[in-house]
Amino acid sequence: MLRRRGGLIRAAATTAVVAGTAGAVRHRQEQRYAAKDQQAYEAQMYEQQQAAAAAPPPAAAAPVGGGSDLAGQIQQLANLKAQGVLSDEEFEAAKAKLLAG
């Protein structure tokens, strides 16, 4: 009878060790999967930010009626200057050309 008890205690201890090891391995795998998911998410966000930064600004709508809207054209030039597309000299030259024409 004593042997049997020792066998039961040993079996219970072995089962506990195996279960604990399996739990630890599973936890570690979940951490790795979570880290990979986080890296993939961050890479996707970075790509979206780069695509948004590289996208050209939306074009301004043409004036209604097909006529030349001088104030609207000057405003477009001012927007380009504010965005850094035009220098001060280029802005002034383009504005002078619109006013002369």
C-alpha atoms as a PDB file:
ATOM      1  CA  MET A   1       0.000   0.000   0.000  1.00  0.00           C
ATOM      2  CA  LEU A   2       2.854   2.372   0.755  1.00  0.00           C
ATOM      3  CA  ARG A   3       4.313   1.931  -2.681  1.00  0.00           C
ATOM      4  CA  ARG A   4       1.048   2.798  -4.255  1.00  0.00           C
ATOM      5  CA  ARG A   5       0.845   6.028  -2.314  1.00  0.00           C
ATOM      6  CA  GLY A   6       4.347   6.971  -3.320  1.00  0.00           C
ATOM      7  CA  GLY A   7       3.395   6.247  -6.876  1.00  0.00           C
ATOM      8  CA  LEU A   8       0.302   8.441  -6.629  1.00  0.00           C
ATOM      9  CA  ILE A   9       2.231  11.302  -5.082  1.00  0.00           C
ATOM     10  CA  ARG A  10       4.940  10.963  -7.679  1.00  0.00           C
ATOM     11  CA  ALA A  11       2.370  10.889 -10.487  1.00  0.00           C
ATOM     12  CA  ALA A  12       0.618  13.949  -9.072  1.00  0.00           C
ATOM     13  CA  ALA A  13       3.917  15.802  -8.784  1.00  0.00           C
ATOM     14  CA  THR A  14       4.887  14.848 -12.332  1.00  0.00           C
ATOM     15  CA  THR A  15       1.494  15.975 -13.618  1.00  0.00           C
ATOM     16  CA  ALA A  16       1.873  19.309 -11.824  1.00  0.00           C
ATOM     17  CA  VAL A  17       5.327  19.864 -13.315  1.00  0.00           C
ATOM     18  CA  VAL A  18       4.115  18.998 -16.815  1.00  0.00           C
ATOM     19  CA  ALA A  19       1.058  21.242 -16.476  1.00  0.00           C
ATOM     20  CA  GLY A  20       3.166  24.111 -15.128  1.00  0.00           C
ATOM     21  CA  THR A  21       5.677  23.767 -17.954  1.00  0.00           C
ATOM     22  CA  ALA A  22       2.924  23.654 -20.559  1.00  0.00           C
ATOM     23  CA  GLY A  23       1.361  26.786 -19.073  1.00  0.00           C
ATOM     24  CA  ALA A  24       4.682  28.612 -19.094  1.00  0.00           C
ATOM     25  CA  VAL A  25       5.372  27.637 -22.709  1.00  0.00           C
ATOM     26  CA  ARG A  26       1.904  28.767 -23.764  1.00  0.00           C
ATOM     27  CA  HIS A  27       2.333  32.091 -21.979  1.00  0.00           C
ATOM     28  CA  ARG A  28       5.679  32.670 -23.698  1.00  0.00           C
ATOM     29  CA  GLN A  29       4.188  31.856 -27.118  1.00  0.00           C
ATOM     30  CA  GLU A  30       1.330  34.287 -26.513  1.00  0.00           C
ATOM     31  CA  GLN A  31       3.851  36.989 -25.643  1.00  0.00           C
ATOM     32  CA  ARG A  32       5.768  36.337 -28.861  1.00  0.00           C
ATOM     33  CA  TYR A  33       2.611  36.424 -30.949  1.00  0.00           C
ATOM     34  CA  ALA A  34       1.529  39.660 -29.284  1.00  0.00           C
ATOM     35  CA  ALA A  35       4.950  41.224 -29.974  1.00  0.00           C
ATOM     36  CA  LYS A  36       4.781  40.195 -33.635  1.00  0.00           C
ATOM     37  CA  ASP A  37       1.255  41.591 -33.933  1.00  0.00           C
ATOM     38  CA  GLN A  38       2.399  44.873 -32.358  1.00  0.00           C
ATOM     39  CA  GLN A  39       5.336  45.134 -34.773  1.00  0.00           C
ATOM     40  CA  ALA A  40       3.069  44.463 -37.750  1.00  0.00           C
ATOM     41  CA  TYR A  41       0.607  47.101 -36.532  1.00  0.00           C
ATOM     42  CA  GLU A  42       3.358  49.687 -36.048  1.00  0.00           C
ATOM     43  CA  ALA A  43       4.774  48.941 -39.507  1.00  0.00           C
ATOM     44  CA  GLN A  44       1.332  49.368 -41.056  1.00  0.00           C
ATOM     45  CA  MET A  45       0.786  52.691 -39.239  1.00  0.00           C
ATOM     46  CA  TYR A  46       4.224  53.912 -40.378  1.00  0.00           C
ATOM     47  CA  GLU A  47       3.435  53.019 -44.007  1.00  0.00           C
ATOM     48  CA  GLN A  48       0.093  54.820 -43.809  1.00  0.00           C
ATOM     49  CA  GLN A  49       1.737  57.917 -42.349  1.00  0.00           C
ATOM     50  CA  GLN A  50       4.376  57.900 -45.093  1.00  0.00           C
ATOM     51  CA  ALA A  51       1.715  57.489 -47.783  1.00  0.00           C
ATOM     52  CA  ALA A  52      -0.327  60.336 -46.321  1.00  0.00           C
ATOM     53  CA  ALA A  53       2.723  62.595 -46.139  1.00  0.00           C
ATOM     54  CA  ALA A  54       3.722  61.775 -49.719  1.00  0.00           C
ATOM     55  CA  ALA A  55       0.237  62.282 -51.167  1.00  0.00           C
ATOM     56  CA  PRO A  56      -0.138  65.572 -53.012  1.00  0.00           C
ATOM     57  CA  PRO A  57      -2.599  68.051 -51.558  1.00  0.00           C
ATOM     58  CA  PRO A  58      -6.033  67.950 -53.169  1.00  0.00           C
ATOM     59  CA  ALA A  59      -6.403  70.241 -56.156  1.00  0.00           C
ATOM     60  CA  ALA A  60      -8.543  73.306 -55.710  1.00  0.00           C
ATOM     61  CA  ALA A  61     -11.840  73.343 -57.546  1.00  0.00           C
ATOM     62  CA  ALA A  62     -12.093  75.350 -60.731  1.00  0.00           C
ATOM     63  CA  PRO A  63     -14.039  78.587 -60.496  1.00  0.00           C
ATOM     64  CA  VAL A  64     -17.764  78.239 -61.090  1.00  0.00           C
ATOM     65  CA  GLY A  65     -18.906  79.383 -64.518  1.00  0.00           C
ATOM     66  CA  GLY A  66     -15.535  78.890 -66.183  1.00  0.00           C
ATOM     67  CA  GLY A  67     -14.538  82.554 -65.691  1.00  0.00           C
ATOM     68  CA  SER A  68     -11.247  83.619 -64.235  1.00  0.00           C
ATOM     69  CA  ASP A  69     -11.580  84.350 -60.565  1.00  0.00           C
ATOM     70  CA  LEU A  70      -8.607  86.594 -59.853  1.00  0.00           C
ATOM     71  CA  ALA A  71      -9.031  86.549 -56.084  1.00  0.00           C
ATOM     72  CA  GLY A  72      -9.330  82.749 -56.104  1.00  0.00           C
ATOM     73  CA  GLN A  73      -6.186  82.378 -58.199  1.00  0.00           C
ATOM     74  CA  ILE A  74      -4.239  84.690 -55.920  1.00  0.00           C
ATOM     75  CA  GLN A  75      -5.536  82.706 -52.938  1.00  0.00           C
ATOM     76  CA  GLN A  76      -4.283  79.490 -54.577  1.00  0.00           C
ATOM     77  CA  LEU A  77      -0.869  81.097 -55.019  1.00  0.00           C
ATOM     78  CA  ALA A  78      -0.915  82.169 -51.361  1.00  0.00           C
ATOM     79  CA  ASN A  79      -1.753  78.598 -50.334  1.00  0.00           C
ATOM     80  CA  LEU A  80       1.149  77.268 -52.395  1.00  0.00           C
ATOM     81  CA  LYS A  81       3.442  79.836 -50.790  1.00  0.00           C
ATOM     82  CA  ALA A  82       2.206  78.862 -47.305  1.00  0.00           C
ATOM     83  CA  GLN A  83       2.885  75.188 -48.075  1.00  0.00           C
ATOM     84  CA  GLY A  84       6.425  76.068 -49.123  1.00  0.00           C
ATOM     85  CA  VAL A  85       5.906  75.161 -52.773  1.00  0.00           C
ATOM     86  CA  LEU A  86       6.539  78.748 -53.926  1.00  0.00           C
ATOM     87  CA  SER A  87       9.217  81.100 -52.673  1.00  0.00           C
ATOM     88  CA  ASP A  88       8.447  84.751 -51.958  1.00  0.00           C
ATOM     89  CA  GLU A  89       9.928  85.786 -55.306  1.00  0.00           C
ATOM     90  CA  GLU A  90       7.957  83.158 -57.242  1.00  0.00           C
ATOM     91  CA  PHE A  91       4.761  84.185 -55.478  1.00  0.00           C
ATOM     92  CA  GLU A  92       5.266  87.861 -56.259  1.00  0.00           C
ATOM     93  CA  ALA A  93       6.102  87.109 -59.913  1.00  0.00           C
ATOM     94  CA  ALA A  94       3.043  84.901 -60.377  1.00  0.00           C
ATOM     95  CA  LYS A  95       0.801  87.431 -58.636  1.00  0.00           C
ATOM     96  CA  ALA A  96       2.142  90.258 -60.837  1.00  0.00           C
ATOM     97  CA  LYS A  97       1.515  88.132 -63.920  1.00  0.00           C
ATOM     98  CA  LEU A  98      -2.117  87.518 -62.850  1.00  0.00           C
ATOM     99  CA  LEU A  99      -2.693  91.184 -62.117  1.00  0.00           C
ATOM    100  CA  ALA A 100      -1.159  92.248 -65.442  1.00  0.00           C
ATOM    101  CA  GLY A 101      -3.060  89.683 -67.470  1.00  0.00           C
END
